[in-house]
Amino acid sequence: MNIKVLGMGCCNCVKLYENAQEAVKELGIEATIEKVEDMAKIMEYGVMRTPALIVDEKVVVQGRIPKKDEIKELLKK
């Protein structure tokens, strides 16, 4: 599984990255988590509001910080 957190490095982006790491750890799944801070790459996903969460190249959340439990549910799908 490939997970990306899109954002320019603000505190909200950092929090989303941490929540994603905790969700992956608690689920015990294998996943790569990557931060994407380059605006051109963020725009390639069509994301207009950050932070955003991408799972296997699909935008699943944007413009807010989902809680760890919500991320776990998204990863189970």
N, C-alpha and C. Protein backbone atom coordinates (compact mmCIF):
# COMPACT_ATOMS: atom_id res chain seq x y z
N MET A 1 0.85 -1.17 0.00
CA MET A 1 0.00 0.00 0.00
C MET A 1 0.90 1.23 0.00
N ASN A 2 0.48 2.22 -0.77
CA ASN A 2 1.24 3.46 -0.87
C ASN A 2 0.36 4.61 -0.36
N ILE A 3 0.85 5.32 0.63
CA ILE A 3 0.12 6.43 1.24
C ILE A 3 0.94 7.69 1.08
N LYS A 4 0.28 8.77 0.66
CA LYS A 4 0.96 10.05 0.53
C LYS A 4 0.18 11.10 1.30
N VAL A 5 0.91 11.96 1.97
CA VAL A 5 0.32 13.11 2.64
C VAL A 5 0.78 14.34 1.86
N LEU A 6 -0.19 15.06 1.29
CA LEU A 6 0.12 16.23 0.50
C LEU A 6 -0.05 17.49 1.34
N GLY A 7 0.95 18.35 1.30
CA GLY A 7 0.89 19.61 2.03
C GLY A 7 2.25 20.26 2.08
N MET A 8 2.25 21.51 2.41
CA MET A 8 3.47 22.31 2.36
C MET A 8 4.30 22.23 3.64
N GLY A 9 3.94 21.37 4.56
CA GLY A 9 4.74 21.20 5.77
C GLY A 9 4.19 21.94 6.98
N CYS A 10 2.97 22.42 6.89
CA CYS A 10 2.36 23.13 8.03
C CYS A 10 2.04 22.15 9.15
N CYS A 11 1.63 22.66 10.28
CA CYS A 11 1.33 21.80 11.43
C CYS A 11 0.20 20.81 11.13
N ASN A 12 -0.78 21.21 10.30
CA ASN A 12 -1.87 20.30 9.94
C ASN A 12 -1.35 19.14 9.10
N CYS A 13 -0.43 19.43 8.20
CA CYS A 13 0.16 18.38 7.37
C CYS A 13 0.97 17.40 8.22
N VAL A 14 1.71 17.94 9.15
CA VAL A 14 2.50 17.12 10.06
C VAL A 14 1.59 16.22 10.89
N LYS A 15 0.49 16.76 11.38
CA LYS A 15 -0.46 15.98 12.19
C LYS A 15 -1.08 14.85 11.36
N LEU A 16 -1.45 15.14 10.12
CA LEU A 16 -2.02 14.11 9.25
C LEU A 16 -0.99 13.00 9.00
N TYR A 17 0.25 13.37 8.78
CA TYR A 17 1.32 12.39 8.58
C TYR A 17 1.45 11.50 9.82
N GLU A 18 1.45 12.10 11.00
CA GLU A 18 1.55 11.34 12.25
C GLU A 18 0.36 10.41 12.42
N ASN A 19 -0.85 10.90 12.14
CA ASN A 19 -2.06 10.07 12.25
C ASN A 19 -1.99 8.88 11.30
N ALA A 20 -1.49 9.11 10.09
CA ALA A 20 -1.37 8.04 9.11
C ALA A 20 -0.36 6.99 9.58
N GLN A 21 0.75 7.45 10.13
CA GLN A 21 1.76 6.50 10.65
C GLN A 21 1.17 5.65 11.78
N GLU A 22 0.45 6.27 12.70
CA GLU A 22 -0.15 5.53 13.82
C GLU A 22 -1.19 4.54 13.32
N ALA A 23 -1.99 4.93 12.33
CA ALA A 23 -3.03 4.04 11.79
C ALA A 23 -2.39 2.81 11.16
N VAL A 24 -1.35 3.01 10.37
CA VAL A 24 -0.66 1.89 9.72
C VAL A 24 -0.07 0.96 10.77
N LYS A 25 0.55 1.55 11.77
CA LYS A 25 1.18 0.74 12.83
C LYS A 25 0.14 -0.08 13.58
N GLU A 26 -0.98 0.55 13.94
CA GLU A 26 -2.02 -0.17 14.69
C GLU A 26 -2.67 -1.26 13.86
N LEU A 27 -2.81 -1.05 12.55
CA LEU A 27 -3.41 -2.07 11.70
C LEU A 27 -2.43 -3.20 11.39
N GLY A 28 -1.15 -2.92 11.57
CA GLY A 28 -0.13 -3.93 11.30
C GLY A 28 0.00 -4.25 9.82
N ILE A 29 -0.23 -3.25 8.97
CA ILE A 29 -0.14 -3.48 7.54
C ILE A 29 1.18 -2.93 7.00
N GLU A 30 1.56 -3.42 5.83
CA GLU A 30 2.76 -2.92 5.18
C GLU A 30 2.34 -1.76 4.30
N ALA A 31 2.95 -0.62 4.52
CA ALA A 31 2.62 0.55 3.72
C ALA A 31 3.81 1.49 3.69
N THR A 32 3.94 2.19 2.59
CA THR A 32 4.93 3.24 2.47
C THR A 32 4.20 4.55 2.67
N ILE A 33 4.71 5.39 3.56
CA ILE A 33 4.08 6.69 3.79
C ILE A 33 5.07 7.76 3.36
N GLU A 34 4.59 8.64 2.49
CA GLU A 34 5.46 9.64 1.90
C GLU A 34 4.84 11.03 2.06
N LYS A 35 5.67 12.02 2.35
CA LYS A 35 5.23 13.41 2.37
C LYS A 35 5.50 14.01 1.00
N VAL A 36 4.51 14.72 0.47
CA VAL A 36 4.69 15.42 -0.81
C VAL A 36 4.47 16.90 -0.52
N GLU A 37 5.54 17.68 -0.65
CA GLU A 37 5.47 19.10 -0.34
C GLU A 37 5.63 19.99 -1.57
N ASP A 38 5.94 19.39 -2.71
CA ASP A 38 6.13 20.15 -3.94
C ASP A 38 4.76 20.52 -4.52
N MET A 39 4.51 21.83 -4.67
CA MET A 39 3.19 22.31 -5.11
C MET A 39 2.80 21.76 -6.48
N ALA A 40 3.75 21.64 -7.38
CA ALA A 40 3.43 21.11 -8.71
C ALA A 40 2.94 19.67 -8.62
N LYS A 41 3.57 18.87 -7.76
CA LYS A 41 3.13 17.48 -7.59
C LYS A 41 1.78 17.41 -6.89
N ILE A 42 1.54 18.30 -5.94
CA ILE A 42 0.25 18.34 -5.25
C ILE A 42 -0.85 18.65 -6.26
N MET A 43 -0.59 19.60 -7.15
CA MET A 43 -1.58 19.99 -8.15
C MET A 43 -1.88 18.86 -9.14
N GLU A 44 -0.92 17.96 -9.36
CA GLU A 44 -1.15 16.82 -10.26
C GLU A 44 -2.29 15.93 -9.77
N TYR A 45 -2.54 15.95 -8.48
CA TYR A 45 -3.64 15.15 -7.91
C TYR A 45 -4.97 15.89 -7.95
N GLY A 46 -4.96 17.15 -8.38
CA GLY A 46 -6.19 17.93 -8.43
C GLY A 46 -6.63 18.42 -7.07
N VAL A 47 -5.72 18.39 -6.11
CA VAL A 47 -6.03 18.81 -4.75
C VAL A 47 -5.95 20.33 -4.66
N MET A 48 -7.02 20.94 -4.17
CA MET A 48 -7.06 22.39 -4.04
C MET A 48 -6.89 22.83 -2.59
N ARG A 49 -7.12 21.91 -1.66
CA ARG A 49 -6.98 22.24 -0.23
C ARG A 49 -6.13 21.17 0.44
N THR A 50 -5.17 21.64 1.22
CA THR A 50 -4.32 20.70 1.96
C THR A 50 -4.63 20.84 3.44
N PRO A 51 -4.31 19.86 4.24
CA PRO A 51 -3.62 18.63 3.86
C PRO A 51 -4.55 17.68 3.11
N ALA A 52 -3.94 16.75 2.40
CA ALA A 52 -4.70 15.74 1.67
C ALA A 52 -4.05 14.38 1.90
N LEU A 53 -4.88 13.36 1.88
CA LEU A 53 -4.42 11.98 2.06
C LEU A 53 -4.70 11.21 0.79
N ILE A 54 -3.66 10.58 0.26
CA ILE A 54 -3.75 9.79 -0.96
C ILE A 54 -3.45 8.35 -0.60
N VAL A 55 -4.32 7.43 -1.01
CA VAL A 55 -4.09 6.00 -0.77
C VAL A 55 -4.09 5.31 -2.13
N ASP A 56 -2.97 4.69 -2.45
CA ASP A 56 -2.80 4.01 -3.73
C ASP A 56 -3.24 4.90 -4.89
N GLU A 57 -2.73 6.14 -4.88
CA GLU A 57 -2.92 7.15 -5.93
C GLU A 57 -4.35 7.68 -6.04
N LYS A 58 -5.18 7.45 -5.02
CA LYS A 58 -6.54 7.98 -5.01
C LYS A 58 -6.69 8.97 -3.85
N VAL A 59 -7.22 10.15 -4.14
CA VAL A 59 -7.46 11.15 -3.11
C VAL A 59 -8.63 10.67 -2.25
N VAL A 60 -8.38 10.47 -0.95
CA VAL A 60 -9.45 10.00 -0.06
C VAL A 60 -9.91 11.08 0.92
N VAL A 61 -9.05 12.04 1.21
CA VAL A 61 -9.40 13.16 2.11
C VAL A 61 -8.63 14.39 1.66
N GLN A 62 -9.29 15.55 1.70
CA GLN A 62 -8.55 16.78 1.45
C GLN A 62 -9.17 17.92 2.24
N GLY A 63 -8.31 18.84 2.66
CA GLY A 63 -8.76 20.04 3.35
C GLY A 63 -9.07 19.88 4.83
N ARG A 64 -8.72 18.74 5.40
CA ARG A 64 -8.96 18.52 6.83
C ARG A 64 -8.03 17.43 7.35
N ILE A 65 -8.02 17.28 8.67
CA ILE A 65 -7.17 16.27 9.31
C ILE A 65 -8.07 15.16 9.84
N PRO A 66 -8.13 14.03 9.15
CA PRO A 66 -8.93 12.92 9.68
C PRO A 66 -8.25 12.32 10.92
N LYS A 67 -9.07 11.88 11.84
CA LYS A 67 -8.55 11.22 13.04
C LYS A 67 -7.97 9.86 12.65
N LYS A 68 -7.15 9.34 13.51
CA LYS A 68 -6.48 8.06 13.28
C LYS A 68 -7.50 6.96 12.96
N ASP A 69 -8.60 6.90 13.71
CA ASP A 69 -9.60 5.85 13.49
C ASP A 69 -10.24 5.95 12.11
N GLU A 70 -10.46 7.17 11.64
CA GLU A 70 -11.02 7.35 10.29
C GLU A 70 -10.02 6.87 9.24
N ILE A 71 -8.77 7.17 9.45
CA ILE A 71 -7.73 6.71 8.51
C ILE A 71 -7.68 5.19 8.50
N LYS A 72 -7.79 4.58 9.66
CA LYS A 72 -7.79 3.11 9.73
C LYS A 72 -8.93 2.54 8.91
N GLU A 73 -10.11 3.14 8.99
CA GLU A 73 -11.26 2.66 8.19
C GLU A 73 -11.01 2.82 6.70
N LEU A 74 -10.41 3.94 6.32
CA LEU A 74 -10.10 4.17 4.90
C LEU A 74 -9.09 3.16 4.39
N LEU A 75 -8.13 2.79 5.21
CA LEU A 75 -7.10 1.84 4.80
C LEU A 75 -7.63 0.41 4.72
N LYS A 76 -8.67 0.11 5.46
CA LYS A 76 -9.24 -1.24 5.44
C LYS A 76 -10.00 -1.52 4.14
N LYS A 77 -10.43 -0.46 3.46
CA LYS A 77 -11.23 -0.63 2.22
C LYS A 77 -10.41 -1.17 1.09
